[in-house]
PDB file of N, CA and C in Angstrom:
ATOM      1  N   MET A   1      24.749  16.205  43.198  1.00  0.00           N
ATOM      2  CA  MET A   1      24.882  16.399  44.747  1.00  0.00           C
ATOM      3  C   MET A   1      26.231  17.161  44.959  1.00  0.00           C
ATOM      4  N   LYS A   2      27.013  15.812  44.460  1.00  0.00           N
ATOM      5  CA  LYS A   2      28.703  15.299  44.671  1.00  0.00           C
ATOM      6  C   LYS A   2      29.241  16.444  43.670  1.00  0.00           C
ATOM      7  N   ASP A   3      28.949  16.586  42.118  1.00  0.00           N
ATOM      8  CA  ASP A   3      30.277  17.545  41.191  1.00  0.00           C
ATOM      9  C   ASP A   3      30.064  18.281  41.937  1.00  0.00           C
ATOM     10  N   THR A   4      28.185  19.198  42.526  1.00  0.00           N
ATOM     11  CA  THR A   4      28.396  20.762  43.099  1.00  0.00           C
ATOM     12  C   THR A   4      29.480  20.673  43.913  1.00  0.00           C
ATOM     13  N   VAL A   5      29.739  19.736  45.026  1.00  0.00           N
ATOM     14  CA  VAL A   5      30.729  19.529  46.091  1.00  0.00           C
ATOM     15  C   VAL A   5      31.970  19.903  45.783  1.00  0.00           C
ATOM     16  N   LEU A   6      32.230  18.243  44.572  1.00  0.00           N
ATOM     17  CA  LEU A   6      33.921  18.969  44.423  1.00  0.00           C
ATOM     18  C   LEU A   6      34.047  20.098  43.605  1.00  0.00           C
ATOM     19  N   SER A   7      33.587  21.264  42.558  1.00  0.00           N
ATOM     20  CA  SER A   7      33.683  21.791  41.896  1.00  0.00           C
ATOM     21  C   SER A   7      34.241  23.302  43.108  1.00  0.00           C
ATOM     22  N   ILE A   8      32.987  23.330  44.121  1.00  0.00           N
ATOM     23  CA  ILE A   8      33.054  24.201  44.946  1.00  0.00           C
ATOM     24  C   ILE A   8      34.310  23.633  45.945  1.00  0.00           C
ATOM     25  N   ILE A   9      35.410  22.875  46.308  1.00  0.00           N
ATOM     26  CA  ILE A   9      36.204  22.355  46.584  1.00  0.00           C
ATOM     27  C   ILE A   9      36.882  23.044  46.052  1.00  0.00           C
ATOM     28  N   ARG A  10      37.138  22.935  44.710  1.00  0.00           N
ATOM     29  CA  ARG A  10      38.396  23.078  43.498  1.00  0.00           C
ATOM     30  C   ARG A  10      38.697  24.109  43.485  1.00  0.00           C
ATOM     31  N   HIS A  11      37.112  25.357  43.958  1.00  0.00           N
ATOM     32  CA  HIS A  11      37.666  26.472  43.147  1.00  0.00           C
ATOM     33  C   HIS A  11      37.806  27.709  44.939  1.00  0.00           C
ATOM     34  N   GLY A  12      37.416  27.050  45.715  1.00  0.00           N
ATOM     35  CA  GLY A  12      37.829  26.978  47.039  1.00  0.00           C
ATOM     36  C   GLY A  12      39.920  26.738  46.738  1.00  0.00           C
ATOM     37  N   LEU A  13      40.374  25.201  46.641  1.00  0.00           N
ATOM     38  CA  LEU A  13      41.343  25.646  46.317  1.00  0.00           C
ATOM     39  C   LEU A  13      42.523  26.245  45.630  1.00  0.00           C
ATOM     40  N   THR A  14      42.161  26.856  44.157  1.00  0.00           N
ATOM     41  CA  THR A  14      42.050  27.941  43.238  1.00  0.00           C
ATOM     42  C   THR A  14      42.569  29.036  43.919  1.00  0.00           C
ATOM     43  N   ILE A  15      41.258  29.681  44.636  1.00  0.00           N
ATOM     44  CA  ILE A  15      41.124  30.581  45.279  1.00  0.00           C
ATOM     45  C   ILE A  15      41.674  30.457  46.234  1.00  0.00           C
ATOM     46  N   ALA A  16      42.249  29.743  47.365  1.00  0.00           N
ATOM     47  CA  ALA A  16      43.355  29.550  47.921  1.00  0.00           C
ATOM     48  C   ALA A  16      45.519  29.772  47.340  1.00  0.00           C
ATOM     49  N   GLY A  17      45.034  29.042  46.185  1.00  0.00           N
ATOM     50  CA  GLY A  17      46.282  28.930  45.156  1.00  0.00           C
ATOM     51  C   GLY A  17      46.695  30.412  45.633  1.00  0.00           C
ATOM     52  N   GLY A  18      45.762  31.120  44.878  1.00  0.00           N
ATOM     53  CA  GLY A  18      46.152  32.460  43.874  1.00  0.00           C
ATOM     54  C   GLY A  18      46.157  33.059  44.752  1.00  0.00           C
ATOM     55  N   ILE A  19      45.663  32.807  45.917  1.00  0.00           N
ATOM     56  CA  ILE A  19      46.908  34.165  47.176  1.00  0.00           C
ATOM     57  C   ILE A  19      47.878  33.437  47.791  1.00  0.00           C
ATOM     58  N   LEU A  20      47.971  32.291  47.755  1.00  0.00           N
ATOM     59  CA  LEU A  20      49.296  31.890  48.615  1.00  0.00           C
ATOM     60  C   LEU A  20      49.994  31.778  47.681  1.00  0.00           C
ATOM     61  N   VAL A  21      50.441  31.978  46.252  1.00  0.00           N
ATOM     62  CA  VAL A  21      51.065  32.783  44.953  1.00  0.00           C
ATOM     63  C   VAL A  21      51.592  33.524  44.624  1.00  0.00           C
ATOM     64  N   THR A  22      50.313  34.978  44.825  1.00  0.00           N
ATOM     65  CA  THR A  22      50.667  36.082  45.311  1.00  0.00           C
ATOM     66  C   THR A  22      51.052  37.087  46.051  1.00  0.00           C
ATOM     67  N   LYS A  23      51.208  35.735  47.551  1.00  0.00           N
ATOM     68  CA  LYS A  23      52.915  36.318  48.599  1.00  0.00           C
ATOM     69  C   LYS A  23      53.443  35.864  49.022  1.00  0.00           C
ATOM     70  N   GLY A  24      53.664  34.573  47.844  1.00  0.00           N
ATOM     71  CA  GLY A  24      54.956  34.387  47.024  1.00  0.00           C
ATOM     72  C   GLY A  24      55.214  32.943  47.858  1.00  0.00           C
ATOM     73  N   TYR A  25      54.435  32.607  49.208  1.00  0.00           N
ATOM     74  CA  TYR A  25      54.244  31.427  49.983  1.00  0.00           C
ATOM     75  C   TYR A  25      55.103  29.755  48.879  1.00  0.00           C
ATOM     76  N   LEU A  26      53.652  30.346  47.612  1.00  0.00           N
ATOM     77  CA  LEU A  26      54.484  28.615  46.962  1.00  0.00           C
ATOM     78  C   LEU A  26      54.359  29.138  45.256  1.00  0.00           C
ATOM     79  N   GLY A  27      54.744  28.207  44.990  1.00  0.00           N
ATOM     80  CA  GLY A  27      54.622  28.201  43.161  1.00  0.00           C
ATOM     81  C   GLY A  27      53.781  27.749  42.406  1.00  0.00           C
ATOM     82  N   ASP A  28      53.353  28.517  41.348  1.00  0.00           N
ATOM     83  CA  ASP A  28      52.347  27.977  40.530  1.00  0.00           C
ATOM     84  C   ASP A  28      52.628  26.264  40.258  1.00  0.00           C
ATOM     85  N   GLU A  29      53.611  25.464  40.076  1.00  0.00           N
ATOM     86  CA  GLU A  29      52.856  24.477  39.627  1.00  0.00           C
ATOM     87  C   GLU A  29      52.994  23.445  40.949  1.00  0.00           C
ATOM     88  N   THR A  30      53.411  23.978  42.253  1.00  0.00           N
ATOM     89  CA  THR A  30      53.214  23.699  43.334  1.00  0.00           C
ATOM     90  C   THR A  30      51.615  23.187  44.158  1.00  0.00           C
ATOM     91  N   VAL A  31      51.389  24.907  43.384  1.00  0.00           N
ATOM     92  CA  VAL A  31      49.401  24.325  43.767  1.00  0.00           C
ATOM     93  C   VAL A  31      48.623  23.828  43.001  1.00  0.00           C
ATOM     94  N   VAL A  32      49.016  23.510  41.908  1.00  0.00           N
ATOM     95  CA  VAL A  32      48.549  22.606  40.604  1.00  0.00           C
ATOM     96  C   VAL A  32      48.225  21.544  41.076  1.00  0.00           C
ATOM     97  N   ALA A  33      49.929  21.176  41.611  1.00  0.00           N
ATOM     98  CA  ALA A  33      49.628  19.746  42.591  1.00  0.00           C
ATOM     99  C   ALA A  33      48.571  19.604  43.317  1.00  0.00           C
ATOM    100  N   LEU A  34      48.894  19.816  43.902  1.00  0.00           N
ATOM    101  CA  LEU A  34      47.981  20.490  45.235  1.00  0.00           C
ATOM    102  C   LEU A  34      46.898  20.804  45.362  1.00  0.00           C
ATOM    103  N   SER A  35      46.501  21.051  44.505  1.00  0.00           N
ATOM    104  CA  SER A  35      45.476  21.389  44.178  1.00  0.00           C
ATOM    105  C   SER A  35      44.517  19.786  43.979  1.00  0.00           C
ATOM    106  N   GLY A  36      45.232  19.904  42.676  1.00  0.00           N
ATOM    107  CA  GLY A  36      44.920  18.593  42.131  1.00  0.00           C
ATOM    108  C   GLY A  36      44.955  17.004  43.395  1.00  0.00           C
ATOM    109  N   GLY A  37      45.187  17.212  43.810  1.00  0.00           N
ATOM    110  CA  GLY A  37      45.854  15.864  45.084  1.00  0.00           C
ATOM    111  C   GLY A  37      44.578  15.901  45.459  1.00  0.00           C
ATOM    112  N   VAL A  38      44.538  17.724  46.561  1.00  0.00           N
ATOM    113  CA  VAL A  38      43.408  17.262  47.283  1.00  0.00           C
ATOM    114  C   VAL A  38      41.924  17.127  46.666  1.00  0.00           C
ATOM    115  N   ALA A  39      42.190  17.544  45.181  1.00  0.00           N
ATOM    116  CA  ALA A  39      39.835  17.016  45.204  1.00  0.00           C
ATOM    117  C   ALA A  39      39.841  15.923  45.074  1.00  0.00           C
ATOM    118  N   SER A  40      40.812  14.941  44.111  1.00  0.00           N
ATOM    119  CA  SER A  40      41.466  13.611  44.144  1.00  0.00           C
ATOM    120  C   SER A  40      40.645  12.712  45.523  1.00  0.00           C
ATOM    121  N   PHE A  41      41.644  13.078  46.043  1.00  0.00           N
ATOM    122  CA  PHE A  41      41.712  12.299  47.560  1.00  0.00           C
ATOM    123  C   PHE A  41      40.249  12.765  48.561  1.00  0.00           C
ATOM    124  N   VAL A  42      39.640  13.823  48.052  1.00  0.00           N
ATOM    125  CA  VAL A  42      38.387  14.444  48.275  1.00  0.00           C
ATOM    126  C   VAL A  42      37.773  13.421  47.628  1.00  0.00           C
ATOM    127  N   GLY A  43      37.559  13.264  46.601  1.00  0.00           N
ATOM    128  CA  GLY A  43      36.980  13.063  45.484  1.00  0.00           C
ATOM    129  C   GLY A  43      36.617  11.194  46.191  1.00  0.00           C
ATOM    130  N   LEU A  44      37.335  10.434  46.003  1.00  0.00           N
ATOM    131  CA  LEU A  44      37.902   9.028  46.498  1.00  0.00           C
ATOM    132  C   LEU A  44      37.312   8.568  48.031  1.00  0.00           C
ATOM    133  N   VAL A  45      38.172   9.572  48.810  1.00  0.00           N
ATOM    134  CA  VAL A  45      36.887   9.313  49.786  1.00  0.00           C
ATOM    135  C   VAL A  45      35.367   9.482  50.282  1.00  0.00           C
ATOM    136  N   TRP A  46      34.929  10.103  49.672  1.00  0.00           N
ATOM    137  CA  TRP A  46      33.562  10.520  48.932  1.00  0.00           C
ATOM    138  C   TRP A  46      33.552   9.415  48.379  1.00  0.00           C
ATOM    139  N   GLY A  47      33.628   8.960  47.449  1.00  0.00           N
ATOM    140  CA  GLY A  47      33.411   7.385  46.615  1.00  0.00           C
ATOM    141  C   GLY A  47      32.962   6.538  47.849  1.00  0.00           C
ATOM    142  N   ALA A  48      33.813   6.099  48.504  1.00  0.00           N
ATOM    143  CA  ALA A  48      34.709   5.248  49.325  1.00  0.00           C
ATOM    144  C   ALA A  48      32.879   5.658  50.264  1.00  0.00           C
ATOM    145  N   VAL A  49      32.985   6.305  50.884  1.00  0.00           N
ATOM    146  CA  VAL A  49      32.034   6.742  52.295  1.00  0.00           C
ATOM    147  C   VAL A  49      30.417   6.632  50.990  1.00  0.00           C
ATOM    148  N   ASP A  50      30.255   6.278  50.182  1.00  0.00           N
ATOM    149  CA  ASP A  50      28.665   6.545  49.228  1.00  0.00           C
ATOM    150  C   ASP A  50      28.861   4.638  49.289  1.00  0.00           C
ATOM    151  N   GLU A  51      29.954   4.077  48.670  1.00  0.00           N
ATOM    152  CA  GLU A  51      29.994   2.813  48.869  1.00  0.00           C
ATOM    153  C   GLU A  51      29.590   2.238  50.062  1.00  0.00           C
ATOM    154  N   TYR A  52      30.081   2.507  51.086  1.00  0.00           N
ATOM    155  CA  TYR A  52      29.954   2.510  51.904  1.00  0.00           C
ATOM    156  C   TYR A  52      28.155   2.297  52.983  1.00  0.00           C
ATOM    157  N   LEU A  53      27.663   3.093  52.492  1.00  0.00           N
ATOM    158  CA  LEU A  53      26.576   3.581  53.072  1.00  0.00           C
ATOM    159  C   LEU A  53      25.864   3.137  51.686  1.00  0.00           C
ATOM    160  N   ALA A  54      25.980   2.503  51.037  1.00  0.00           N
ATOM    161  CA  ALA A  54      24.744   2.259  49.937  1.00  0.00           C
ATOM    162  C   ALA A  54      24.622   0.721  50.505  1.00  0.00           C
ATOM    163  N   ALA A  55      26.241  -0.309  50.618  1.00  0.00           N
ATOM    164  CA  ALA A  55      26.236  -1.232  51.323  1.00  0.00           C
ATOM    165  C   ALA A  55      25.305  -1.510  52.290  1.00  0.00           C
ATOM    166  N   LYS A  56      25.428  -0.614  53.468  1.00  0.00           N
ATOM    167  CA  LYS A  56      24.925  -0.625  54.381  1.00  0.00           C
ATOM    168  C   LYS A  56      23.391  -0.948  54.514  1.00  0.00           C
ATOM    169  N   LYS A  57      22.785   0.308  53.531  1.00  0.00           N
ATOM    170  CA  LYS A  57      21.979   0.510  53.600  1.00  0.00           C
ATOM    171  C   LYS A  57      20.922  -0.847  52.693  1.00  0.00           C
ATOM    172  N   ALA A  58      21.776  -1.386  51.963  1.00  0.00           N
ATOM    173  CA  ALA A  58      21.357  -2.461  51.105  1.00  0.00           C
ATOM    174  C   ALA A  58      20.997  -3.744  52.406  1.00  0.00           C
ATOM    175  N   LYS A  59      21.921  -4.115  53.218  1.00  0.00           N
ATOM    176  CA  LYS A  59      22.261  -5.106  53.965  1.00  0.00           C
ATOM    177  C   LYS A  59      21.132  -4.779  54.973  1.00  0.00           C
ATOM    178  N   ALA A  60      20.742  -4.055  55.265  1.00  0.00           N
ATOM    179  CA  ALA A  60      19.228  -3.173  56.426  1.00  0.00           C
ATOM    180  C   ALA A  60      18.033  -3.797  55.397  1.00  0.00           C
ATOM    181  N   ALA A  61      17.718  -3.936  54.327  1.00  0.00           N
ATOM    182  CA  ALA A  61      16.417  -4.336  53.725  1.00  0.00           C
ATOM    183  C   ALA A  61      16.904  -4.734  53.597  1.00  0.00           C
ATOM    184  N   ALA A  62      17.346  -5.973  53.576  1.00  0.00           N
ATOM    185  CA  ALA A  62      17.304  -7.671  52.906  1.00  0.00           C
ATOM    186  C   ALA A  62      17.297  -8.154  54.375  1.00  0.00           C
TER     187      ALA A  62
END
């Protein structure tokens, strides 16, 4: 499920970036950098939350 959600986020960022480039608000290099950064940050936070919840669950089971 994580891969699916991250894929949807990446596609959403691509669409939003395309709109911003078309309207002239951002350059294409900026959109690529921002999209990569946001996708990486979301993946990092998601992984940290998963680890935290797994540790909490393991501690409760012990």
